[in-house]
Amino acid sequence: MQELRLQKQTRVVSFRIAEEAGEFIVFDMSLSGPVRQRTRYSGPDFKEAWQAVEAILGDTDIPAALQRFAG
């Protein structure tokens, strides 16, 4: 599993890629919510995963390390 952490101000997101399973996992690492609600997305669609990232951080450019999945 590969992980990339993204941060804007006090908000932090862990973007995890389970390539063998074909799954993206977006986990809100910010301390501003209950633990049970911190997984914002888990599934095979990069676009939906990135929407979950932006729901937490606001408008965010896709980092170079993730561009191959955005294509």
N, C-alpha and C. Protein backbone atom coordinates (compact mmCIF):
# COMPACT_ATOMS: atom_id res chain seq x y z
N MET A 1 0.86 -1.17 0.00
CA MET A 1 0.00 0.00 0.00
C MET A 1 0.90 1.23 0.00
N GLN A 2 0.51 2.18 -0.80
CA GLN A 2 1.24 3.44 -0.93
C GLN A 2 0.41 4.53 -0.24
N GLU A 3 1.07 5.48 0.40
CA GLU A 3 0.34 6.55 1.08
C GLU A 3 0.98 7.90 0.77
N LEU A 4 0.10 8.88 0.57
CA LEU A 4 0.54 10.26 0.36
C LEU A 4 -0.26 11.12 1.32
N ARG A 5 0.42 11.95 2.09
CA ARG A 5 -0.28 12.84 3.01
C ARG A 5 -0.34 14.24 2.41
N LEU A 6 -1.52 14.82 2.47
CA LEU A 6 -1.76 16.16 1.94
C LEU A 6 -2.24 17.03 3.08
N GLN A 7 -1.77 18.27 3.13
CA GLN A 7 -2.15 19.16 4.22
C GLN A 7 -2.41 20.57 3.71
N LYS A 8 -3.46 21.17 4.25
CA LYS A 8 -3.76 22.58 4.05
C LYS A 8 -4.17 23.13 5.41
N GLN A 9 -3.41 24.08 5.88
CA GLN A 9 -3.64 24.67 7.19
C GLN A 9 -3.73 23.58 8.25
N THR A 10 -4.85 23.44 8.94
CA THR A 10 -4.95 22.46 10.02
C THR A 10 -5.58 21.15 9.57
N ARG A 11 -5.89 21.02 8.30
CA ARG A 11 -6.53 19.80 7.78
C ARG A 11 -5.49 18.90 7.13
N VAL A 12 -5.56 17.61 7.43
CA VAL A 12 -4.61 16.64 6.88
C VAL A 12 -5.39 15.44 6.35
N VAL A 13 -5.01 14.99 5.16
CA VAL A 13 -5.64 13.84 4.53
C VAL A 13 -4.57 12.80 4.20
N SER A 14 -4.89 11.56 4.46
CA SER A 14 -4.06 10.44 4.03
C SER A 14 -4.73 9.85 2.80
N PHE A 15 -4.03 9.87 1.67
CA PHE A 15 -4.54 9.29 0.43
C PHE A 15 -3.77 7.99 0.23
N ARG A 16 -4.48 6.88 0.38
CA ARG A 16 -3.84 5.57 0.30
C ARG A 16 -4.24 4.86 -0.99
N ILE A 17 -3.27 4.17 -1.56
CA ILE A 17 -3.48 3.45 -2.81
C ILE A 17 -3.14 1.99 -2.59
N ALA A 18 -4.13 1.15 -2.72
CA ALA A 18 -3.93 -0.29 -2.66
C ALA A 18 -4.02 -0.80 -4.10
N GLU A 19 -2.90 -0.73 -4.82
CA GLU A 19 -2.92 -1.04 -6.26
C GLU A 19 -3.37 -2.46 -6.56
N GLU A 20 -2.92 -3.42 -5.78
CA GLU A 20 -3.29 -4.82 -6.05
C GLU A 20 -4.79 -5.02 -5.90
N ALA A 21 -5.41 -4.29 -4.99
CA ALA A 21 -6.86 -4.40 -4.78
C ALA A 21 -7.62 -3.44 -5.68
N GLY A 22 -6.89 -2.51 -6.33
CA GLY A 22 -7.55 -1.52 -7.18
C GLY A 22 -8.40 -0.56 -6.39
N GLU A 23 -7.89 -0.14 -5.22
CA GLU A 23 -8.70 0.67 -4.31
C GLU A 23 -7.95 1.93 -3.87
N PHE A 24 -8.71 3.00 -3.72
CA PHE A 24 -8.20 4.25 -3.16
C PHE A 24 -8.93 4.47 -1.84
N ILE A 25 -8.19 4.94 -0.85
CA ILE A 25 -8.78 5.20 0.46
C ILE A 25 -8.40 6.61 0.88
N VAL A 26 -9.40 7.41 1.20
CA VAL A 26 -9.19 8.78 1.66
C VAL A 26 -9.57 8.82 3.13
N PHE A 27 -8.59 9.18 3.96
CA PHE A 27 -8.78 9.18 5.40
C PHE A 27 -8.48 10.57 5.94
N ASP A 28 -9.45 11.17 6.62
CA ASP A 28 -9.29 12.50 7.21
C ASP A 28 -8.52 12.36 8.51
N MET A 29 -7.30 12.84 8.55
CA MET A 29 -6.46 12.72 9.74
C MET A 29 -6.61 13.92 10.68
N SER A 30 -7.41 14.88 10.28
CA SER A 30 -7.65 16.05 11.12
C SER A 30 -8.34 15.61 12.40
N LEU A 31 -8.16 16.35 13.44
CA LEU A 31 -8.74 15.98 14.73
C LEU A 31 -10.10 16.60 14.96
N SER A 32 -10.75 17.00 13.89
CA SER A 32 -11.99 17.76 14.02
C SER A 32 -13.26 16.94 13.82
N GLY A 33 -13.19 15.65 14.03
CA GLY A 33 -14.40 14.85 13.85
C GLY A 33 -14.26 13.50 14.52
N PRO A 34 -15.37 12.80 14.71
CA PRO A 34 -15.32 11.47 15.32
C PRO A 34 -14.52 10.49 14.47
N VAL A 35 -13.80 9.60 15.11
CA VAL A 35 -12.96 8.63 14.40
C VAL A 35 -13.78 7.80 13.42
N ARG A 36 -14.97 7.41 13.79
CA ARG A 36 -15.78 6.53 12.93
C ARG A 36 -16.16 7.19 11.61
N GLN A 37 -16.03 8.50 11.51
CA GLN A 37 -16.40 9.21 10.28
C GLN A 37 -15.18 9.72 9.52
N ARG A 38 -14.01 9.24 9.85
CA ARG A 38 -12.81 9.78 9.22
C ARG A 38 -12.49 9.18 7.86
N THR A 39 -12.95 7.97 7.59
CA THR A 39 -12.75 7.42 6.25
C THR A 39 -13.81 8.05 5.36
N ARG A 40 -13.36 8.86 4.43
CA ARG A 40 -14.28 9.62 3.58
C ARG A 40 -14.58 8.92 2.27
N TYR A 41 -13.66 8.06 1.82
CA TYR A 41 -13.90 7.32 0.58
C TYR A 41 -13.07 6.05 0.61
N SER A 42 -13.63 5.00 0.10
CA SER A 42 -12.93 3.74 -0.09
C SER A 42 -13.56 3.06 -1.30
N GLY A 43 -12.81 2.96 -2.37
CA GLY A 43 -13.36 2.35 -3.58
C GLY A 43 -12.41 2.46 -4.75
N PRO A 44 -12.86 2.04 -5.92
CA PRO A 44 -11.99 1.95 -7.10
C PRO A 44 -11.92 3.20 -7.99
N ASP A 45 -12.68 4.24 -7.71
CA ASP A 45 -12.79 5.39 -8.60
C ASP A 45 -11.92 6.55 -8.12
N PHE A 46 -10.85 6.85 -8.88
CA PHE A 46 -9.95 7.94 -8.48
C PHE A 46 -10.68 9.28 -8.41
N LYS A 47 -11.55 9.53 -9.38
CA LYS A 47 -12.26 10.82 -9.41
C LYS A 47 -13.08 11.02 -8.13
N GLU A 48 -13.78 9.99 -7.70
CA GLU A 48 -14.57 10.09 -6.46
C GLU A 48 -13.66 10.24 -5.24
N ALA A 49 -12.54 9.54 -5.27
CA ALA A 49 -11.58 9.67 -4.17
C ALA A 49 -11.05 11.10 -4.09
N TRP A 50 -10.75 11.68 -5.25
CA TRP A 50 -10.21 13.05 -5.23
C TRP A 50 -11.29 14.06 -4.81
N GLN A 51 -12.53 13.80 -5.14
CA GLN A 51 -13.62 14.66 -4.67
C GLN A 51 -13.69 14.61 -3.14
N ALA A 52 -13.44 13.45 -2.56
CA ALA A 52 -13.43 13.32 -1.10
C ALA A 52 -12.28 14.13 -0.50
N VAL A 53 -11.12 14.12 -1.17
CA VAL A 53 -9.98 14.93 -0.71
C VAL A 53 -10.38 16.41 -0.71
N GLU A 54 -10.97 16.86 -1.81
CA GLU A 54 -11.33 18.27 -1.93
C GLU A 54 -12.46 18.66 -0.99
N ALA A 55 -13.30 17.71 -0.60
CA ALA A 55 -14.35 18.01 0.38
C ALA A 55 -13.72 18.34 1.74
N ILE A 56 -12.55 17.81 1.99
CA ILE A 56 -11.86 18.05 3.25
C ILE A 56 -10.94 19.27 3.15
N LEU A 57 -10.13 19.32 2.08
CA LEU A 57 -9.10 20.36 1.96
C LEU A 57 -9.50 21.57 1.14
N GLY A 58 -10.57 21.46 0.38
CA GLY A 58 -10.91 22.52 -0.57
C GLY A 58 -10.21 22.24 -1.88
N ASP A 59 -10.31 23.16 -2.83
CA ASP A 59 -9.73 22.98 -4.16
C ASP A 59 -8.24 22.67 -4.04
N THR A 60 -7.84 21.53 -4.59
CA THR A 60 -6.47 21.06 -4.45
C THR A 60 -6.00 20.46 -5.77
N ASP A 61 -4.80 20.86 -6.20
CA ASP A 61 -4.22 20.28 -7.41
C ASP A 61 -3.79 18.85 -7.12
N ILE A 62 -3.94 18.00 -8.11
CA ILE A 62 -3.51 16.61 -7.96
C ILE A 62 -1.98 16.57 -8.03
N PRO A 63 -1.33 16.04 -6.99
CA PRO A 63 0.13 15.98 -6.98
C PRO A 63 0.68 15.09 -8.10
N ALA A 64 1.90 15.36 -8.51
CA ALA A 64 2.55 14.61 -9.57
C ALA A 64 2.55 13.11 -9.27
N ALA A 65 2.71 12.73 -8.02
CA ALA A 65 2.76 11.31 -7.63
C ALA A 65 1.44 10.58 -7.92
N LEU A 66 0.34 11.32 -8.08
CA LEU A 66 -0.97 10.71 -8.32
C LEU A 66 -1.48 10.94 -9.74
N GLN A 67 -0.76 11.67 -10.55
CA GLN A 67 -1.22 12.01 -11.89
C GLN A 67 -1.51 10.78 -12.75
N ARG A 68 -0.77 9.70 -12.56
CA ARG A 68 -0.98 8.51 -13.40
C ARG A 68 -2.36 7.88 -13.15
N PHE A 69 -2.94 8.12 -11.98
CA PHE A 69 -4.26 7.59 -11.69
C PHE A 69 -5.37 8.51 -12.20
N ALA A 70 -5.03 9.78 -12.39
CA ALA A 70 -6.03 10.77 -12.80
C ALA A 70 -6.37 10.68 -14.28
N GLY A 71 -5.46 10.12 -15.05
CA GLY A 71 -5.58 10.06 -16.49
C GLY A 71 -6.84 9.49 -16.99
